[in-house]
Each structure stands twice: as C-alpha cells, then as structure tokens.
C-alpha cells in the first residue's frame, strides 16, 4: 500500500473512531439499565413514554410545515435570481447565511419582542400563533441549508436555456417553474428537506423559549431527570438523523443513475 493511501486510511479510521466511540459508549450504557445483564429496558421505557410519542409527532408535523414553507419560499426566489437578477445572487446568499451568524437565542428573543403579548400581532397569546411562530423560526434556521441545496441543483442545470425553450413554446412563468425547473431539481429539494427535518427534530432553543412541546426540549428534560433513558434516546436520535442522511445519499444516487 502506498504511503498516501496509508495516510488516508489512518485519517478516515481516526475520524470514524472519534464519531463512533461516544455512540458505542452511550449504547453500552443504555443497555445496562437492568443490573448485571444487557437489556433493551431503557429503549422500551423511552418508546413507552407518551411524551416521546407526543413530542416526536409534534416535531415531525413542524418539520413538514417548515419544509413546505421553506421550499415554497426559496425555490421561486432562487429561480428568479438565477433567471432575472443574477447580480443579486451574492446578496441573497448573504441574507440566507445570516442564521448561521446570528445566534438562535437572539432570533427567538426578537420574535418574542416583536410578536409578544404587548405587540400589534400577539402570536404568543394563542397556541396556534405560537406554533406558527415556531414554524417561521424553523424556516429561518433552515434557510442556509435549503437555499444551498436548491442553488446547487439550479447550478447543475441550464436554467436560462430550459426557461427560454419552454417560453418559446408558450409556457407561462409558473408553468416553467412547476413543470420544467422543479422536476430537474427534485433531488436538491429532497436533500434540503431532509436536512431541514434533521434540524427541526433536534432543535431546542426556539421550542424551549416559545414553550412548545417539541422533541428537542423533551430530550433535554429527560437528560436532566433520568440516567439510562437519555443515553437510549441519544442513540435513537442519532439513528434518525443518519437515516435521513442515508435517504439523501440513496435518492441522489438513484437520480444520478437514472440520468446516466
């Protein structure tokens, strides 16, 4: 084996150990809930807890709403910038990257002050309003990931040529977007959607400060009051996140294979 190959294998192995050893340790600890033997009691306790089911379903519903709102906002905006205002691309990229720079706690405090009980639009006064505000916050947090995924998808196709060809055949702008551009960036949209879902399922700051029954605060609450169940829950959350990542790779690979 060549020295370069040995270095690559060593780096990959160290990275895998760095990522997997804590997970293995958490799994081994979770299996020790029953004294003297390995068991799945901790996992059974987590899945039997009604709060797990309620918060997980709530976060899944929020993830769906966030994906729909985010994709509905970003796809037309990214297409319009590519098609009609390419000089604004840098400005749009800067705006979508702001959630990575501004801390989530600053954003949510701004939301609370702007839409609190004493504001002109007191969304926090009602349950539906707080849920809507949380969805808007998740859309803000997911902007960098959705926009980057969709922008990469638009980069992989010739947007101008496809649009002009469709328009020359009499297609209207919304038809071009929905029936020409959208099918060609389906994989990019799915990638952004799965990344967004992973973010929503584990997000804590927004849900906690808005007092919403989400999965992130439940994980924190369980970790503060139990011993073995938090380790089991962390393994489950890790599995869910990596399951979404595998779906991204699988769908992307199939799409490339179909094009080939």
C-alpha atoms as a PDB file:
ATOM      1  CA  UNK A   1       0.000   0.000   0.000  1.00  0.00           C
ATOM      2  CA  UNK A   2       1.297   3.443  -0.912  1.00  0.00           C
ATOM      3  CA  UNK A   3       2.123   5.968   1.831  1.00  0.00           C
ATOM      4  CA  UNK A   4      -0.634   8.317   0.630  1.00  0.00           C
ATOM      5  CA  UNK A   5      -3.197   5.519   0.863  1.00  0.00           C
ATOM      6  CA  UNK A   6      -1.991   4.621   4.366  1.00  0.00           C
ATOM      7  CA  UNK A   7      -2.403   8.250   5.462  1.00  0.00           C
ATOM      8  CA  UNK A   8      -5.927   8.382   4.021  1.00  0.00           C
ATOM      9  CA  UNK A   9      -6.923   5.151   5.764  1.00  0.00           C
ATOM     10  CA  UNK A  10      -5.439   6.387   9.043  1.00  0.00           C
ATOM     11  CA  UNK A  11      -7.287   9.717   8.857  1.00  0.00           C
ATOM     12  CA  UNK A  12     -10.592   8.055   7.979  1.00  0.00           C
ATOM     13  CA  UNK A  13     -10.124   5.499  10.773  1.00  0.00           C
ATOM     14  CA  UNK A  14      -9.374   8.185  13.358  1.00  0.00           C
ATOM     15  CA  UNK A  15     -12.397  10.178  12.230  1.00  0.00           C
ATOM     16  CA  UNK A  16     -14.628   7.107  12.449  1.00  0.00           C
ATOM     17  CA  UNK A  17     -13.351   6.324  15.947  1.00  0.00           C
ATOM     18  CA  UNK A  18     -13.895   9.924  17.035  1.00  0.00           C
ATOM     19  CA  UNK A  19     -17.514   9.771  15.880  1.00  0.00           C
ATOM     20  CA  UNK A  20     -18.410   6.188  16.772  1.00  0.00           C
ATOM     21  CA  UNK A  21     -16.750   5.657  20.171  1.00  0.00           C
ATOM     22  CA  UNK A  22     -19.100   8.069  22.038  1.00  0.00           C
ATOM     23  CA  UNK A  23     -22.069   6.429  20.337  1.00  0.00           C
ATOM     24  CA  UNK A  24     -20.866   2.957  21.276  1.00  0.00           C
ATOM     25  CA  UNK A  25     -20.313   4.133  24.845  1.00  0.00           C
ATOM     26  CA  UNK A  26     -23.824   5.601  25.018  1.00  0.00           C
ATOM     27  CA  UNK A  27     -25.322   2.414  23.589  1.00  0.00           C
ATOM     28  CA  UNK A  28     -23.402   0.213  26.038  1.00  0.00           C
ATOM     29  CA  UNK A  29     -24.510   2.382  28.966  1.00  0.00           C
ATOM     30  CA  UNK A  30     -28.147   2.353  27.820  1.00  0.00           C
ATOM     31  CA  UNK A  31     -28.108  -1.441  27.685  1.00  0.00           C
ATOM     32  CA  UNK A  32     -27.038  -1.663  31.378  1.00  0.00           C
ATOM     33  CA  UNK A  33     -30.333  -0.451  32.826  1.00  0.00           C
ATOM     34  CA  UNK A  34     -31.070  -3.934  34.166  1.00  0.00           C
ATOM     35  CA  UNK A  35     -28.454  -4.807  36.766  1.00  0.00           C
ATOM     36  CA  UNK A  36     -25.980  -7.491  35.710  1.00  0.00           C
ATOM     37  CA  UNK A  37     -27.248  -8.085  32.160  1.00  0.00           C
ATOM     38  CA  UNK A  38     -27.651  -6.225  28.904  1.00  0.00           C
ATOM     39  CA  UNK A  39     -31.255  -5.392  28.069  1.00  0.00           C
ATOM     40  CA  UNK A  40     -33.397  -3.041  25.992  1.00  0.00           C
ATOM     41  CA  UNK A  41     -35.290  -1.774  29.029  1.00  0.00           C
ATOM     42  CA  UNK A  42     -34.103   1.806  28.541  1.00  0.00           C
ATOM     43  CA  UNK A  43     -35.286   1.830  24.921  1.00  0.00           C
ATOM     44  CA  UNK A  44     -38.606   0.275  25.948  1.00  0.00           C
ATOM     45  CA  UNK A  45     -39.052   2.947  28.614  1.00  0.00           C
ATOM     46  CA  UNK A  46     -38.368   5.709  26.091  1.00  0.00           C
ATOM     47  CA  UNK A  47     -40.778   4.367  23.486  1.00  0.00           C
ATOM     48  CA  UNK A  48     -43.470   3.707  26.106  1.00  0.00           C
ATOM     49  CA  UNK A  49     -43.320   7.285  27.384  1.00  0.00           C
ATOM     50  CA  UNK A  50     -46.286   9.190  25.943  1.00  0.00           C
ATOM     51  CA  UNK A  51     -44.193  12.364  25.932  1.00  0.00           C
ATOM     52  CA  UNK A  52     -41.802  10.753  23.449  1.00  0.00           C
ATOM     53  CA  UNK A  53     -44.652   9.963  21.096  1.00  0.00           C
ATOM     54  CA  UNK A  54     -46.353  13.346  21.509  1.00  0.00           C
ATOM     55  CA  UNK A  55     -43.213  15.452  21.114  1.00  0.00           C
ATOM     56  CA  UNK A  56     -41.854  13.373  18.252  1.00  0.00           C
ATOM     57  CA  UNK A  57     -45.111  13.623  16.301  1.00  0.00           C
ATOM     58  CA  UNK A  58     -45.294  17.356  17.030  1.00  0.00           C
ATOM     59  CA  UNK A  59     -41.761  17.899  15.734  1.00  0.00           C
ATOM     60  CA  UNK A  60     -42.488  15.775  12.656  1.00  0.00           C
ATOM     61  CA  UNK A  61     -45.528  17.938  11.911  1.00  0.00           C
ATOM     62  CA  UNK A  62     -43.418  21.065  12.384  1.00  0.00           C
ATOM     63  CA  UNK A  63     -40.783  19.596  10.057  1.00  0.00           C
ATOM     64  CA  UNK A  64     -43.382  19.067   7.320  1.00  0.00           C
ATOM     65  CA  UNK A  65     -44.701  22.623   7.691  1.00  0.00           C
ATOM     66  CA  UNK A  66     -41.160  24.019   7.718  1.00  0.00           C
ATOM     67  CA  UNK A  67     -40.186  22.121   4.575  1.00  0.00           C
ATOM     68  CA  UNK A  68     -43.310  23.258   2.708  1.00  0.00           C
ATOM     69  CA  UNK A  69     -42.838  26.897   3.714  1.00  0.00           C
ATOM     70  CA  UNK A  70     -39.083  26.852   3.096  1.00  0.00           C
ATOM     71  CA  UNK A  71     -39.271  25.207  -0.309  1.00  0.00           C
ATOM     72  CA  UNK A  72     -42.210  27.414  -1.314  1.00  0.00           C
ATOM     73  CA  UNK A  73     -40.162  30.485  -0.402  1.00  0.00           C
ATOM     74  CA  UNK A  74     -36.708  29.516  -1.654  1.00  0.00           C
ATOM     75  CA  UNK A  75     -37.458  27.774  -4.974  1.00  0.00           C
ATOM     76  CA  UNK A  76     -39.193  30.771  -6.612  1.00  0.00           C
ATOM     77  CA  UNK A  77     -36.672  33.198  -5.106  1.00  0.00           C
ATOM     78  CA  UNK A  78     -33.608  31.206  -6.213  1.00  0.00           C
ATOM     79  CA  UNK A  79     -35.089  30.693  -9.688  1.00  0.00           C
ATOM     80  CA  UNK A  80     -35.937  34.386 -10.051  1.00  0.00           C
ATOM     81  CA  UNK A  81     -32.421  35.386  -9.031  1.00  0.00           C
ATOM     82  CA  UNK A  82     -30.865  32.906 -11.467  1.00  0.00           C
ATOM     83  CA  UNK A  83     -33.176  33.826 -14.308  1.00  0.00           C
ATOM     84  CA  UNK A  84     -33.739  37.547 -13.974  1.00  0.00           C
ATOM     85  CA  UNK A  85     -31.321  39.084 -11.445  1.00  0.00           C
ATOM     86  CA  UNK A  86     -28.014  37.161 -11.315  1.00  0.00           C
ATOM     87  CA  UNK A  87     -26.264  40.197  -9.847  1.00  0.00           C
ATOM     88  CA  UNK A  88     -28.345  39.838  -6.688  1.00  0.00           C
ATOM     89  CA  UNK A  89     -27.141  36.292  -6.091  1.00  0.00           C
ATOM     90  CA  UNK A  90     -24.436  37.410  -3.672  1.00  0.00           C
ATOM     91  CA  UNK A  91     -26.925  39.498  -1.676  1.00  0.00           C
ATOM     92  CA  UNK A  92     -29.381  36.597  -1.442  1.00  0.00           C
ATOM     93  CA  UNK A  93     -26.611  34.210  -0.358  1.00  0.00           C
ATOM     94  CA  UNK A  94     -25.539  36.664   2.341  1.00  0.00           C
ATOM     95  CA  UNK A  95     -29.089  37.016   3.675  1.00  0.00           C
ATOM     96  CA  UNK A  96     -29.662  33.253   3.755  1.00  0.00           C
ATOM     97  CA  UNK A  97     -26.389  32.736   5.647  1.00  0.00           C
ATOM     98  CA  UNK A  98     -27.320  35.160   8.436  1.00  0.00           C
ATOM     99  CA  UNK A  99     -28.972  32.442  10.591  1.00  0.00           C
ATOM    100  CA  UNK A 100     -25.541  30.815  10.832  1.00  0.00           C
ATOM    101  CA  UNK A 101     -24.063  34.067  12.167  1.00  0.00           C
ATOM    102  CA  UNK A 102     -26.851  35.360  14.405  1.00  0.00           C
ATOM    103  CA  UNK A 103     -27.415  33.035  17.418  1.00  0.00           C
ATOM    104  CA  UNK A 104     -30.774  31.298  17.590  1.00  0.00           C
ATOM    105  CA  UNK A 105     -31.447  32.740  21.038  1.00  0.00           C
ATOM    106  CA  UNK A 106     -31.119  36.278  19.625  1.00  0.00           C
ATOM    107  CA  UNK A 107     -33.563  35.487  16.829  1.00  0.00           C
ATOM    108  CA  UNK A 108     -36.151  33.956  19.120  1.00  0.00           C
ATOM    109  CA  UNK A 109     -35.936  36.853  21.599  1.00  0.00           C
ATOM    110  CA  UNK A 110     -36.519  39.197  18.671  1.00  0.00           C
ATOM    111  CA  UNK A 111     -39.583  37.162  17.724  1.00  0.00           C
ATOM    112  CA  UNK A 112     -40.892  37.278  21.292  1.00  0.00           C
ATOM    113  CA  UNK A 113     -40.457  41.048  21.490  1.00  0.00           C
ATOM    114  CA  UNK A 114     -41.991  41.596  18.058  1.00  0.00           C
ATOM    115  CA  UNK A 115     -44.904  39.166  18.427  1.00  0.00           C
ATOM    116  CA  UNK A 116     -45.336  39.113  22.214  1.00  0.00           C
ATOM    117  CA  UNK A 117     -48.409  39.947  24.247  1.00  0.00           C
ATOM    118  CA  UNK A 118     -47.909  43.718  24.001  1.00  0.00           C
ATOM    119  CA  UNK A 119     -47.216  43.825  20.259  1.00  0.00           C
ATOM    120  CA  UNK A 120     -49.563  44.674  17.399  1.00  0.00           C
ATOM    121  CA  UNK A 121     -49.649  40.965  16.438  1.00  0.00           C
ATOM    122  CA  UNK A 122     -49.550  38.924  19.674  1.00  0.00           C
ATOM    123  CA  UNK A 123     -48.902  35.464  18.244  1.00  0.00           C
ATOM    124  CA  UNK A 124     -47.611  34.130  21.556  1.00  0.00           C
ATOM    125  CA  UNK A 125     -51.051  34.639  23.154  1.00  0.00           C
ATOM    126  CA  UNK A 126     -52.560  31.639  21.393  1.00  0.00           C
ATOM    127  CA  UNK A 127     -51.430  28.078  20.775  1.00  0.00           C
ATOM    128  CA  UNK A 128     -51.834  28.264  17.012  1.00  0.00           C
ATOM    129  CA  UNK A 129     -49.960  31.553  16.954  1.00  0.00           C
ATOM    130  CA  UNK A 130     -47.049  30.115  18.933  1.00  0.00           C
ATOM    131  CA  UNK A 131     -46.988  27.078  16.651  1.00  0.00           C
ATOM    132  CA  UNK A 132     -46.930  29.328  13.589  1.00  0.00           C
ATOM    133  CA  UNK A 133     -44.174  31.444  15.111  1.00  0.00           C
ATOM    134  CA  UNK A 134     -42.134  28.317  15.799  1.00  0.00           C
ATOM    135  CA  UNK A 135     -42.577  27.192  12.184  1.00  0.00           C
ATOM    136  CA  UNK A 136     -41.429  30.609  10.959  1.00  0.00           C
ATOM    137  CA  UNK A 137     -38.410  30.361  13.241  1.00  0.00           C
ATOM    138  CA  UNK A 138     -37.544  26.924  11.883  1.00  0.00           C
ATOM    139  CA  UNK A 139     -37.798  28.265   8.338  1.00  0.00           C
ATOM    140  CA  UNK A 140     -35.320  30.978   9.314  1.00  0.00           C
ATOM    141  CA  UNK A 141     -32.900  28.437  10.791  1.00  0.00           C
ATOM    142  CA  UNK A 142     -33.158  26.185   7.740  1.00  0.00           C
ATOM    143  CA  UNK A 143     -32.623  28.923   5.134  1.00  0.00           C
ATOM    144  CA  UNK A 144     -28.868  28.264   4.692  1.00  0.00           C
ATOM    145  CA  UNK A 145     -29.408  24.561   4.093  1.00  0.00           C
ATOM    146  CA  UNK A 146     -32.466  24.772   1.843  1.00  0.00           C
ATOM    147  CA  UNK A 147     -31.023  27.602  -0.229  1.00  0.00           C
ATOM    148  CA  UNK A 148     -27.632  25.929  -0.662  1.00  0.00           C
ATOM    149  CA  UNK A 149     -29.238  22.656  -1.742  1.00  0.00           C
ATOM    150  CA  UNK A 150     -31.617  24.289  -4.215  1.00  0.00           C
ATOM    151  CA  UNK A 151     -28.930  26.640  -5.551  1.00  0.00           C
ATOM    152  CA  UNK A 152     -26.656  23.652  -6.164  1.00  0.00           C
ATOM    153  CA  UNK A 153     -29.491  21.955  -8.029  1.00  0.00           C
ATOM    154  CA  UNK A 154     -30.064  25.033 -10.191  1.00  0.00           C
ATOM    155  CA  UNK A 155     -26.335  25.208 -10.901  1.00  0.00           C
ATOM    156  CA  UNK A 156     -26.396  21.654 -12.269  1.00  0.00           C
ATOM    157  CA  UNK A 157     -28.932  22.548 -14.986  1.00  0.00           C
ATOM    158  CA  UNK A 158     -29.066  25.241 -17.650  1.00  0.00           C
ATOM    159  CA  UNK A 159     -31.861  27.335 -16.185  1.00  0.00           C
ATOM    160  CA  UNK A 160     -31.829  30.032 -18.874  1.00  0.00           C
ATOM    161  CA  UNK A 161     -31.914  27.629 -21.816  1.00  0.00           C
ATOM    162  CA  UNK A 162     -34.657  25.472 -20.306  1.00  0.00           C
ATOM    163  CA  UNK A 163     -36.743  28.518 -19.437  1.00  0.00           C
ATOM    164  CA  UNK A 164     -36.353  30.134 -22.834  1.00  0.00           C
ATOM    165  CA  UNK A 165     -37.201  26.884 -24.603  1.00  0.00           C
ATOM    166  CA  UNK A 166     -40.360  26.456 -22.533  1.00  0.00           C
ATOM    167  CA  UNK A 167     -41.365  30.085 -23.018  1.00  0.00           C
ATOM    168  CA  UNK A 168     -40.853  29.814 -26.769  1.00  0.00           C
ATOM    169  CA  UNK A 169     -43.430  27.001 -26.738  1.00  0.00           C
ATOM    170  CA  UNK A 170     -45.948  29.228 -24.960  1.00  0.00           C
ATOM    171  CA  UNK A 171     -45.374  28.224 -21.333  1.00  0.00           C
ATOM    172  CA  UNK A 172     -46.170  30.834 -18.712  1.00  0.00           C
ATOM    173  CA  UNK A 173     -43.686  31.627 -15.890  1.00  0.00           C
ATOM    174  CA  UNK A 174     -45.454  29.493 -13.281  1.00  0.00           C
ATOM    175  CA  UNK A 175     -45.640  26.595 -15.762  1.00  0.00           C
ATOM    176  CA  UNK A 176     -41.917  26.893 -16.453  1.00  0.00           C
ATOM    177  CA  UNK A 177     -41.152  26.784 -12.744  1.00  0.00           C
ATOM    178  CA  UNK A 178     -43.510  23.930 -11.835  1.00  0.00           C
ATOM    179  CA  UNK A 179     -43.215  21.658 -14.880  1.00  0.00           C
ATOM    180  CA  UNK A 180     -39.731  22.360 -16.224  1.00  0.00           C
ATOM    181  CA  UNK A 181     -37.424  23.569 -13.455  1.00  0.00           C
ATOM    182  CA  UNK A 182     -38.924  21.793 -10.436  1.00  0.00           C
ATOM    183  CA  UNK A 183     -38.618  18.212 -11.782  1.00  0.00           C
ATOM    184  CA  UNK A 184     -34.947  18.820 -12.605  1.00  0.00           C
ATOM    185  CA  UNK A 185     -34.062  19.916  -9.077  1.00  0.00           C
ATOM    186  CA  UNK A 186     -36.152  17.330  -7.232  1.00  0.00           C
ATOM    187  CA  UNK A 187     -33.108  15.670  -5.671  1.00  0.00           C
ATOM    188  CA  UNK A 188     -31.783  19.024  -4.441  1.00  0.00           C
ATOM    189  CA  UNK A 189     -35.159  19.832  -2.888  1.00  0.00           C
ATOM    190  CA  UNK A 190     -35.284  16.463  -1.148  1.00  0.00           C
ATOM    191  CA  UNK A 191     -31.760  16.963   0.193  1.00  0.00           C
ATOM    192  CA  UNK A 192     -32.707  20.326   1.647  1.00  0.00           C
ATOM    193  CA  UNK A 193     -35.929  18.857   3.032  1.00  0.00           C
ATOM    194  CA  UNK A 194     -34.168  16.015   4.852  1.00  0.00           C
ATOM    195  CA  UNK A 195     -31.541  18.373   6.275  1.00  0.00           C
ATOM    196  CA  UNK A 196     -34.313  20.654   7.474  1.00  0.00           C
ATOM    197  CA  UNK A 197     -36.153  17.746   9.088  1.00  0.00           C
ATOM    198  CA  UNK A 198     -32.982  16.712  10.932  1.00  0.00           C
ATOM    199  CA  UNK A 199     -32.555  20.271  12.235  1.00  0.00           C
ATOM    200  CA  UNK A 200     -36.177  20.566  13.374  1.00  0.00           C
ATOM    201  CA  UNK A 201     -36.169  17.231  15.198  1.00  0.00           C
ATOM    202  CA  UNK A 202     -33.186  18.210  17.349  1.00  0.00           C
ATOM    203  CA  UNK A 203     -33.771  21.956  17.785  1.00  0.00           C
ATOM    204  CA  UNK A 204     -34.042  23.140  21.392  1.00  0.00           C
ATOM    205  CA  UNK A 205     -33.736  26.930  21.708  1.00  0.00           C
ATOM    206  CA  UNK A 206     -36.781  28.062  19.731  1.00  0.00           C
ATOM    207  CA  UNK A 207     -39.100  25.358  21.079  1.00  0.00           C
ATOM    208  CA  UNK A 208     -37.986  25.875  24.678  1.00  0.00           C
ATOM    209  CA  UNK A 209     -38.306  29.651  24.757  1.00  0.00           C
ATOM    210  CA  UNK A 210     -41.651  29.550  22.927  1.00  0.00           C
ATOM    211  CA  UNK A 211     -42.807  26.814  25.332  1.00  0.00           C
ATOM    212  CA  UNK A 212     -43.739  24.333  22.601  1.00  0.00           C
ATOM    213  CA  UNK A 213     -43.962  20.535  23.168  1.00  0.00           C
ATOM    214  CA  UNK A 214     -41.181  19.652  20.739  1.00  0.00           C
ATOM    215  CA  UNK A 215     -38.732  16.758  20.649  1.00  0.00           C
ATOM    216  CA  UNK A 216     -35.637  18.827  21.499  1.00  0.00           C
ATOM    217  CA  UNK A 217     -36.881  20.096  24.888  1.00  0.00           C
ATOM    218  CA  UNK A 218     -38.107  16.589  25.711  1.00  0.00           C
ATOM    219  CA  UNK A 219     -34.600  15.206  25.162  1.00  0.00           C
ATOM    220  CA  UNK A 220     -33.178  17.889  27.461  1.00  0.00           C
ATOM    221  CA  UNK A 221     -35.832  17.252  30.126  1.00  0.00           C
ATOM    222  CA  UNK A 222     -35.239  13.521  30.040  1.00  0.00           C
ATOM    223  CA  UNK A 223     -31.487  14.043  30.286  1.00  0.00           C
ATOM    224  CA  UNK A 224     -31.906  16.172  33.403  1.00  0.00           C
ATOM    225  CA  UNK A 225     -34.054  13.655  35.293  1.00  0.00           C
ATOM    226  CA  UNK A 226     -33.079  10.138  34.186  1.00  0.00           C
ATOM    227  CA  UNK A 227     -29.876   8.103  33.867  1.00  0.00           C
ATOM    228  CA  UNK A 228     -30.186   5.361  31.258  1.00  0.00           C
ATOM    229  CA  UNK A 229     -33.082   6.661  29.159  1.00  0.00           C
ATOM    230  CA  UNK A 230     -31.178   9.752  27.886  1.00  0.00           C
ATOM    231  CA  UNK A 231     -28.422   7.524  26.517  1.00  0.00           C
ATOM    232  CA  UNK A 232     -31.016   5.377  24.743  1.00  0.00           C
ATOM    233  CA  UNK A 233     -32.752   8.472  23.390  1.00  0.00           C
ATOM    234  CA  UNK A 234     -29.467   9.892  22.088  1.00  0.00           C
ATOM    235  CA  UNK A 235     -28.863   6.665  20.177  1.00  0.00           C
ATOM    236  CA  UNK A 236     -32.380   6.835  18.733  1.00  0.00           C
ATOM    237  CA  UNK A 237     -31.941  10.491  17.725  1.00  0.00           C
ATOM    238  CA  UNK A 238     -28.580   9.683  16.139  1.00  0.00           C
ATOM    239  CA  UNK A 239     -30.172   6.833  14.193  1.00  0.00           C
ATOM    240  CA  UNK A 240     -32.990   9.086  12.956  1.00  0.00           C
ATOM    241  CA  UNK A 241     -30.549  11.764  11.805  1.00  0.00           C
ATOM    242  CA  UNK A 242     -28.282   9.340   9.997  1.00  0.00           C
ATOM    243  CA  UNK A 243     -31.309   7.612   8.498  1.00  0.00           C
ATOM    244  CA  UNK A 244     -32.252  10.919   6.888  1.00  0.00           C
ATOM    245  CA  UNK A 245     -28.701  11.355   5.612  1.00  0.00           C
ATOM    246  CA  UNK A 246     -28.746   7.868   4.085  1.00  0.00           C
ATOM    247  CA  UNK A 247     -32.015   8.723   2.354  1.00  0.00           C
ATOM    248  CA  UNK A 248     -30.382  11.807   0.841  1.00  0.00           C
ATOM    249  CA  UNK A 249     -27.490   9.725  -0.496  1.00  0.00           C
ATOM    250  CA  UNK A 250     -29.772   6.959  -1.768  1.00  0.00           C
ATOM    251  CA  UNK A 251     -32.152   9.289  -3.585  1.00  0.00           C
ATOM    252  CA  UNK A 252     -29.262  11.303  -5.012  1.00  0.00           C
ATOM    253  CA  UNK A 253     -27.511   8.153  -6.211  1.00  0.00           C
ATOM    254  CA  UNK A 254     -30.642   6.832  -7.904  1.00  0.00           C
ATOM    255  CA  UNK A 255     -31.224  10.179  -9.597  1.00  0.00           C
ATOM    256  CA  UNK A 256     -27.682  10.251 -10.965  1.00  0.00           C
ATOM    257  CA  UNK A 257     -28.027   6.659 -12.094  1.00  0.00           C
ATOM    258  CA  UNK A 258     -31.232   7.434 -13.977  1.00  0.00           C
ATOM    259  CA  UNK A 259     -29.578  10.358 -15.719  1.00  0.00           C
ATOM    260  CA  UNK A 260     -26.628   8.175 -16.676  1.00  0.00           C
END
